[in-house]
Every structure is written in C-alpha cells, then in structure tokens.
Amino acid sequence: MPQNNELMKTREAQGDGNLAVGLNVSALYLGGALGASLGGFALALNMPIDTLSIAAGLVALSGMGVHVWLRKQGH
C-alpha cells in the first residue's frame, strides 16, 4: 500500500515505522466501525435513507476542515 510505504519512510529515522503503519490501519478500521455503527443507529431511528449520505458528507467535510486547520497550525 503506497500510504504505508510513505509512513515507513517518514518514520524510518525514529525507528517506529511499523508503529505508524499499525496506528494508521487501526484508525481506518475504527473509522469504518464508527461509520457503520452511526449508520445503523440512524436506520434504527427510522431516519430516511437520504439523510445517511448527507450525514456522511458532513462527517467527511468536517474531517477535511480539521486537516486544513492542523496544516495551518503546523502539525
């Protein structure tokens, strides 16, 4: 996976490339599990299916906002 290769190269000097890849994969799985849980919860509340895509878009948009904010902060 190209992203994992970049993480390994970036963290090679610190010697924790494997840890960075492990944390990245864990974060991806956690995001998938949270998204599925929230989607299932919304369906259990009998929300219209159309709202799922809107909610997912808002979550993605907020993630992009956090990313831009962190980049401006220098992280």
PDB file of N, CA and C in Angstrom:
ATOM      1  N   MET A   1       0.840  -1.154   0.000  1.00  0.00           N
ATOM      2  CA  MET A   1       0.000   0.000   0.000  1.00  0.00           C
ATOM      3  C   MET A   1       0.904   1.243   0.000  1.00  0.00           C
ATOM      4  N   PRO A   2       0.749   2.143  -0.950  1.00  0.00           N
ATOM      5  CA  PRO A   2       1.648   3.305  -1.051  1.00  0.00           C
ATOM      6  C   PRO A   2       1.666   4.181   0.199  1.00  0.00           C
ATOM      7  N   GLN A   3       0.518   4.354   0.839  1.00  0.00           N
ATOM      8  CA  GLN A   3       0.475   5.193   2.033  1.00  0.00           C
ATOM      9  C   GLN A   3       1.324   4.587   3.147  1.00  0.00           C
ATOM     10  N   ASN A   4       1.268   3.288   3.292  1.00  0.00           N
ATOM     11  CA  ASN A   4       2.079   2.628   4.318  1.00  0.00           C
ATOM     12  C   ASN A   4       3.564   2.766   4.014  1.00  0.00           C
ATOM     13  N   ASN A   5       3.932   2.682   2.744  1.00  0.00           N
ATOM     14  CA  ASN A   5       5.341   2.866   2.369  1.00  0.00           C
ATOM     15  C   ASN A   5       5.816   4.265   2.734  1.00  0.00           C
ATOM     16  N   GLU A   6       4.981   5.262   2.501  1.00  0.00           N
ATOM     17  CA  GLU A   6       5.336   6.640   2.856  1.00  0.00           C
ATOM     18  C   GLU A   6       5.475   6.795   4.366  1.00  0.00           C
ATOM     19  N   LEU A   7       4.577   6.179   5.115  1.00  0.00           N
ATOM     20  CA  LEU A   7       4.684   6.232   6.578  1.00  0.00           C
ATOM     21  C   LEU A   7       5.982   5.588   7.051  1.00  0.00           C
ATOM     22  N   MET A   8       6.328   4.462   6.459  1.00  0.00           N
ATOM     23  CA  MET A   8       7.560   3.774   6.844  1.00  0.00           C
ATOM     24  C   MET A   8       8.780   4.657   6.564  1.00  0.00           C
ATOM     25  N   LYS A   9       8.799   5.290   5.393  1.00  0.00           N
ATOM     26  CA  LYS A   9       9.932   6.153   5.035  1.00  0.00           C
ATOM     27  C   LYS A   9      10.003   7.379   5.940  1.00  0.00           C
ATOM     28  N   THR A  10       8.855   7.959   6.230  1.00  0.00           N
ATOM     29  CA  THR A  10       8.816   9.172   7.040  1.00  0.00           C
ATOM     30  C   THR A  10       9.292   8.909   8.465  1.00  0.00           C
ATOM     31  N   ARG A  11       8.904   7.781   9.019  1.00  0.00           N
ATOM     32  CA  ARG A  11       9.238   7.472  10.413  1.00  0.00           C
ATOM     33  C   ARG A  11      10.471   6.575  10.556  1.00  0.00           C
ATOM     34  N   GLU A  12      11.190   6.330   9.453  1.00  0.00           N
ATOM     35  CA  GLU A  12      12.346   5.434   9.477  1.00  0.00           C
ATOM     36  C   GLU A  12      13.428   5.922  10.439  1.00  0.00           C
ATOM     37  N   ALA A  13      13.693   7.218  10.445  1.00  0.00           N
ATOM     38  CA  ALA A  13      14.748   7.757  11.302  1.00  0.00           C
ATOM     39  C   ALA A  13      14.426   7.572  12.790  1.00  0.00           C
ATOM     40  N   GLN A  14      13.154   7.616  13.128  1.00  0.00           N
ATOM     41  CA  GLN A  14      12.756   7.441  14.528  1.00  0.00           C
ATOM     42  C   GLN A  14      12.666   5.966  14.912  1.00  0.00           C
ATOM     43  N   GLY A  15      12.641   5.097  13.927  1.00  0.00           N
ATOM     44  CA  GLY A  15      12.597   3.665  14.189  1.00  0.00           C
ATOM     45  C   GLY A  15      11.231   3.128  14.542  1.00  0.00           C
ATOM     46  N   ASP A  16      10.190   3.905  14.276  1.00  0.00           N
ATOM     47  CA  ASP A  16       8.848   3.437  14.636  1.00  0.00           C
ATOM     48  C   ASP A  16       7.904   3.415  13.433  1.00  0.00           C
ATOM     49  N   GLY A  17       8.436   3.067  12.280  1.00  0.00           N
ATOM     50  CA  GLY A  17       7.613   2.983  11.077  1.00  0.00           C
ATOM     51  C   GLY A  17       6.511   1.949  11.185  1.00  0.00           C
ATOM     52  N   ASN A  18       6.830   0.814  11.778  1.00  0.00           N
ATOM     53  CA  ASN A  18       5.806  -0.229  11.935  1.00  0.00           C
ATOM     54  C   ASN A  18       4.681   0.233  12.849  1.00  0.00           C
ATOM     55  N   LEU A  19       5.030   0.978  13.887  1.00  0.00           N
ATOM     56  CA  LEU A  19       4.016   1.511  14.789  1.00  0.00           C
ATOM     57  C   LEU A  19       3.118   2.500  14.050  1.00  0.00           C
ATOM     58  N   ALA A  20       3.708   3.357  13.224  1.00  0.00           N
ATOM     59  CA  ALA A  20       2.918   4.333  12.467  1.00  0.00           C
ATOM     60  C   ALA A  20       1.948   3.635  11.529  1.00  0.00           C
ATOM     61  N   VAL A  21       2.395   2.586  10.861  1.00  0.00           N
ATOM     62  CA  VAL A  21       1.518   1.840   9.961  1.00  0.00           C
ATOM     63  C   VAL A  21       0.411   1.155  10.755  1.00  0.00           C
ATOM     64  N   GLY A  22       0.758   0.572  11.895  1.00  0.00           N
ATOM     65  CA  GLY A  22      -0.245  -0.086  12.729  1.00  0.00           C
ATOM     66  C   GLY A  22      -1.308   0.881  13.233  1.00  0.00           C
ATOM     67  N   LEU A  23      -0.875   2.061  13.658  1.00  0.00           N
ATOM     68  CA  LEU A  23      -1.834   3.067  14.120  1.00  0.00           C
ATOM     69  C   LEU A  23      -2.712   3.569  12.974  1.00  0.00           C
ATOM     70  N   ASN A  24      -2.121   3.715  11.795  1.00  0.00           N
ATOM     71  CA  ASN A  24      -2.892   4.159  10.638  1.00  0.00           C
ATOM     72  C   ASN A  24      -3.974   3.145  10.276  1.00  0.00           C
ATOM     73  N   VAL A  25      -3.613   1.887  10.237  1.00  0.00           N
ATOM     74  CA  VAL A  25      -4.584   0.840   9.899  1.00  0.00           C
ATOM     75  C   VAL A  25      -5.663   0.758  10.981  1.00  0.00           C
ATOM     76  N   SER A  26      -5.268   0.880  12.236  1.00  0.00           N
ATOM     77  CA  SER A  26      -6.246   0.855  13.326  1.00  0.00           C
ATOM     78  C   SER A  26      -7.228   2.018  13.208  1.00  0.00           C
ATOM     79  N   ALA A  27      -6.721   3.195  12.848  1.00  0.00           N
ATOM     80  CA  ALA A  27      -7.591   4.360  12.686  1.00  0.00           C
ATOM     81  C   ALA A  27      -8.574   4.145  11.538  1.00  0.00           C
ATOM     82  N   LEU A  28      -8.119   3.518  10.463  1.00  0.00           N
ATOM     83  CA  LEU A  28      -9.015   3.233   9.347  1.00  0.00           C
ATOM     84  C   LEU A  28     -10.125   2.276   9.763  1.00  0.00           C
ATOM     85  N   TYR A  29      -9.757   1.225  10.481  1.00  0.00           N
ATOM     86  CA  TYR A  29     -10.768   0.269  10.958  1.00  0.00           C
ATOM     87  C   TYR A  29     -11.729   0.926  11.949  1.00  0.00           C
ATOM     88  N   LEU A  30     -11.200   1.770  12.821  1.00  0.00           N
ATOM     89  CA  LEU A  30     -12.047   2.457  13.787  1.00  0.00           C
ATOM     90  C   LEU A  30     -13.040   3.367  13.074  1.00  0.00           C
ATOM     91  N   GLY A  31     -12.582   4.080  12.056  1.00  0.00           N
ATOM     92  CA  GLY A  31     -13.477   4.940  11.286  1.00  0.00           C
ATOM     93  C   GLY A  31     -14.570   4.154  10.600  1.00  0.00           C
ATOM     94  N   GLY A  32     -14.217   3.020  10.033  1.00  0.00           N
ATOM     95  CA  GLY A  32     -15.222   2.174   9.391  1.00  0.00           C
ATOM     96  C   GLY A  32     -16.239   1.638  10.384  1.00  0.00           C
ATOM     97  N   ALA A  33     -15.765   1.237  11.551  1.00  0.00           N
ATOM     98  CA  ALA A  33     -16.675   0.714  12.575  1.00  0.00           C
ATOM     99  C   ALA A  33     -17.599   1.803  13.114  1.00  0.00           C
ATOM    100  N   LEU A  34     -17.055   2.988  13.345  1.00  0.00           N
ATOM    101  CA  LEU A  34     -17.897   4.085  13.835  1.00  0.00           C
ATOM    102  C   LEU A  34     -18.926   4.502  12.787  1.00  0.00           C
ATOM    103  N   GLY A  35     -18.498   4.558  11.533  1.00  0.00           N
ATOM    104  CA  GLY A  35     -19.430   4.915  10.469  1.00  0.00           C
ATOM    105  C   GLY A  35     -20.557   3.908  10.338  1.00  0.00           C
ATOM    106  N   ALA A  36     -20.221   2.630  10.394  1.00  0.00           N
ATOM    107  CA  ALA A  36     -21.248   1.592  10.305  1.00  0.00           C
ATOM    108  C   ALA A  36     -22.189   1.649  11.511  1.00  0.00           C
ATOM    109  N   SER A  37     -21.626   1.904  12.688  1.00  0.00           N
ATOM    110  CA  SER A  37     -22.455   1.998  13.896  1.00  0.00           C
ATOM    111  C   SER A  37     -23.408   3.182  13.824  1.00  0.00           C
ATOM    112  N   LEU A  38     -22.896   4.331  13.411  1.00  0.00           N
ATOM    113  CA  LEU A  38     -23.751   5.511  13.314  1.00  0.00           C
ATOM    114  C   LEU A  38     -24.813   5.338  12.233  1.00  0.00           C
ATOM    115  N   GLY A  39     -24.441   4.723  11.123  1.00  0.00           N
ATOM    116  CA  GLY A  39     -25.423   4.463  10.073  1.00  0.00           C
ATOM    117  C   GLY A  39     -26.500   3.505  10.532  1.00  0.00           C
ATOM    118  N   GLY A  40     -26.111   2.463  11.247  1.00  0.00           N
ATOM    119  CA  GLY A  40     -27.085   1.517  11.786  1.00  0.00           C
ATOM    120  C   GLY A  40     -27.991   2.162  12.816  1.00  0.00           C
ATOM    121  N   PHE A  41     -27.419   3.035  13.635  1.00  0.00           N
ATOM    122  CA  PHE A  41     -28.216   3.751  14.631  1.00  0.00           C
ATOM    123  C   PHE A  41     -29.232   4.665  13.951  1.00  0.00           C
ATOM    124  N   ALA A  42     -28.797   5.356  12.902  1.00  0.00           N
ATOM    125  CA  ALA A  42     -29.713   6.240  12.169  1.00  0.00           C
ATOM    126  C   ALA A  42     -30.851   5.444  11.532  1.00  0.00           C
ATOM    127  N   LEU A  43     -30.535   4.284  10.987  1.00  0.00           N
ATOM    128  CA  LEU A  43     -31.578   3.446  10.396  1.00  0.00           C
ATOM    129  C   LEU A  43     -32.514   2.892  11.467  1.00  0.00           C
ATOM    130  N   ALA A  44     -31.969   2.584  12.642  1.00  0.00           N
ATOM    131  CA  ALA A  44     -32.802   2.083  13.733  1.00  0.00           C
ATOM    132  C   ALA A  44     -33.787   3.153  14.212  1.00  0.00           C
ATOM    133  N   LEU A  45     -33.421   4.410  14.041  1.00  0.00           N
ATOM    134  CA  LEU A  45     -34.313   5.514  14.401  1.00  0.00           C
ATOM    135  C   LEU A  45     -35.307   5.843  13.285  1.00  0.00           C
ATOM    136  N   ASN A  46     -35.301   4.997  12.244  1.00  0.00           N
ATOM    137  CA  ASN A  46     -36.192   5.175  11.091  1.00  0.00           C
ATOM    138  C   ASN A  46     -35.978   6.495  10.361  1.00  0.00           C
ATOM    139  N   MET A  47     -34.731   6.955  10.345  1.00  0.00           N
ATOM    140  CA  MET A  47     -34.412   8.158   9.581  1.00  0.00           C
ATOM    141  C   MET A  47     -34.447   7.813   8.096  1.00  0.00           C
ATOM    142  N   PRO A  48     -34.814   8.755   7.257  1.00  0.00           N
ATOM    143  CA  PRO A  48     -34.808   8.478   5.818  1.00  0.00           C
ATOM    144  C   PRO A  48     -33.399   8.121   5.331  1.00  0.00           C
ATOM    145  N   ILE A  49     -33.326   7.209   4.400  1.00  0.00           N
ATOM    146  CA  ILE A  49     -32.040   6.754   3.889  1.00  0.00           C
ATOM    147  C   ILE A  49     -31.256   7.900   3.257  1.00  0.00           C
ATOM    148  N   ASP A  50     -31.955   8.870   2.695  1.00  0.00           N
ATOM    149  CA  ASP A  50     -31.271  10.012   2.074  1.00  0.00           C
ATOM    150  C   ASP A  50     -30.399  10.767   3.073  1.00  0.00           C
ATOM    151  N   THR A  51     -30.796  10.778   4.328  1.00  0.00           N
ATOM    152  CA  THR A  51     -30.023  11.529   5.317  1.00  0.00           C
ATOM    153  C   THR A  51     -28.676  10.879   5.611  1.00  0.00           C
ATOM    154  N   LEU A  52     -28.537   9.579   5.325  1.00  0.00           N
ATOM    155  CA  LEU A  52     -27.259   8.917   5.569  1.00  0.00           C
ATOM    156  C   LEU A  52     -26.153   9.507   4.713  1.00  0.00           C
ATOM    157  N   SER A  53     -26.442   9.738   3.437  1.00  0.00           N
ATOM    158  CA  SER A  53     -25.408  10.292   2.555  1.00  0.00           C
ATOM    159  C   SER A  53     -25.078  11.727   2.947  1.00  0.00           C
ATOM    160  N   ILE A  54     -26.074  12.479   3.372  1.00  0.00           N
ATOM    161  CA  ILE A  54     -25.823  13.854   3.807  1.00  0.00           C
ATOM    162  C   ILE A  54     -24.962  13.851   5.072  1.00  0.00           C
ATOM    163  N   ALA A  55     -25.306  12.986   6.010  1.00  0.00           N
ATOM    164  CA  ALA A  55     -24.532  12.894   7.252  1.00  0.00           C
ATOM    165  C   ALA A  55     -23.098  12.447   6.965  1.00  0.00           C
ATOM    166  N   ALA A  56     -22.924  11.473   6.070  1.00  0.00           N
ATOM    167  CA  ALA A  56     -21.579  11.018   5.723  1.00  0.00           C
ATOM    168  C   ALA A  56     -20.780  12.141   5.070  1.00  0.00           C
ATOM    169  N   GLY A  57     -21.429  12.907   4.221  1.00  0.00           N
ATOM    170  CA  GLY A  57     -20.755  14.040   3.594  1.00  0.00           C
ATOM    171  C   GLY A  57     -20.330  15.089   4.607  1.00  0.00           C
ATOM    172  N   LEU A  58     -21.178  15.333   5.603  1.00  0.00           N
ATOM    173  CA  LEU A  58     -20.829  16.305   6.642  1.00  0.00           C
ATOM    174  C   LEU A  58     -19.658  15.820   7.494  1.00  0.00           C
ATOM    175  N   VAL A  59     -19.627  14.531   7.772  1.00  0.00           N
ATOM    176  CA  VAL A  59     -18.503  13.973   8.532  1.00  0.00           C
ATOM    177  C   VAL A  59     -17.210  14.116   7.722  1.00  0.00           C
ATOM    178  N   ALA A  60     -17.267  13.808   6.436  1.00  0.00           N
ATOM    179  CA  ALA A  60     -16.085  13.944   5.590  1.00  0.00           C
ATOM    180  C   ALA A  60     -15.646  15.402   5.497  1.00  0.00           C
ATOM    181  N   LEU A  61     -16.597  16.289   5.362  1.00  0.00           N
ATOM    182  CA  LEU A  61     -16.286  17.714   5.287  1.00  0.00           C
ATOM    183  C   LEU A  61     -15.655  18.213   6.591  1.00  0.00           C
ATOM    184  N   SER A  62     -16.156  17.747   7.718  1.00  0.00           N
ATOM    185  CA  SER A  62     -15.561  18.156   8.996  1.00  0.00           C
ATOM    186  C   SER A  62     -14.150  17.593   9.138  1.00  0.00           C
ATOM    187  N   GLY A  63     -13.927  16.378   8.647  1.00  0.00           N
ATOM    188  CA  GLY A  63     -12.577  15.811   8.663  1.00  0.00           C
ATOM    189  C   GLY A  63     -11.613  16.619   7.819  1.00  0.00           C
ATOM    190  N   MET A  64     -12.080  17.071   6.663  1.00  0.00           N
ATOM    191  CA  MET A  64     -11.245  17.919   5.814  1.00  0.00           C
ATOM    192  C   MET A  64     -10.950  19.245   6.513  1.00  0.00           C
ATOM    193  N   GLY A  65     -11.950  19.778   7.214  1.00  0.00           N
ATOM    194  CA  GLY A  65     -11.743  21.023   7.942  1.00  0.00           C
ATOM    195  C   GLY A  65     -10.697  20.877   9.032  1.00  0.00           C
ATOM    196  N   VAL A  66     -10.748  19.778   9.766  1.00  0.00           N
ATOM    197  CA  VAL A  66      -9.745  19.524  10.806  1.00  0.00           C
ATOM    198  C   VAL A  66      -8.365  19.394  10.175  1.00  0.00           C
ATOM    199  N   HIS A  67      -8.281  18.712   9.045  1.00  0.00           N
ATOM    200  CA  HIS A  67      -6.996  18.536   8.361  1.00  0.00           C
ATOM    201  C   HIS A  67      -6.416  19.890   7.950  1.00  0.00           C
ATOM    202  N   VAL A  68      -7.232  20.740   7.345  1.00  0.00           N
ATOM    203  CA  VAL A  68      -6.761  22.068   6.919  1.00  0.00           C
ATOM    204  C   VAL A  68      -6.337  22.889   8.127  1.00  0.00           C
ATOM    205  N   TRP A  69      -7.130  22.830   9.192  1.00  0.00           N
ATOM    206  CA  TRP A  69      -6.793  23.583  10.394  1.00  0.00           C
ATOM    207  C   TRP A  69      -5.455  23.125  10.980  1.00  0.00           C
ATOM    208  N   LEU A  70      -5.240  21.805  11.045  1.00  0.00           N
ATOM    209  CA  LEU A  70      -3.980  21.283  11.587  1.00  0.00           C
ATOM    210  C   LEU A  70      -2.797  21.668  10.704  1.00  0.00           C
ATOM    211  N   ARG A  71      -2.997  21.675   9.382  1.00  0.00           N
ATOM    212  CA  ARG A  71      -1.918  22.083   8.483  1.00  0.00           C
ATOM    213  C   ARG A  71      -1.545  23.541   8.718  1.00  0.00           C
ATOM    214  N   LYS A  72      -2.549  24.387   8.951  1.00  0.00           N
ATOM    215  CA  LYS A  72      -2.263  25.798   9.217  1.00  0.00           C
ATOM    216  C   LYS A  72      -1.551  25.989  10.559  1.00  0.00           C
ATOM    217  N   GLN A  73      -1.808  25.091  11.507  1.00  0.00           N
ATOM    218  CA  GLN A  73      -1.171  25.160  12.808  1.00  0.00           C
ATOM    219  C   GLN A  73       0.259  24.643  12.760  1.00  0.00           C
ATOM    220  N   GLY A  74       0.635  24.004  11.664  1.00  0.00           N
ATOM    221  CA  GLY A  74       1.986  23.493  11.511  1.00  0.00           C
ATOM    222  C   GLY A  74       2.195  22.083  11.991  1.00  0.00           C
ATOM    223  N   HIS A  75       1.126  21.326  12.148  1.00  0.00           N
ATOM    224  CA  HIS A  75       1.262  19.932  12.594  1.00  0.00           C
ATOM    225  C   HIS A  75       1.377  19.004  11.423  1.00  0.00           C
TER     226      HIS A  75
END
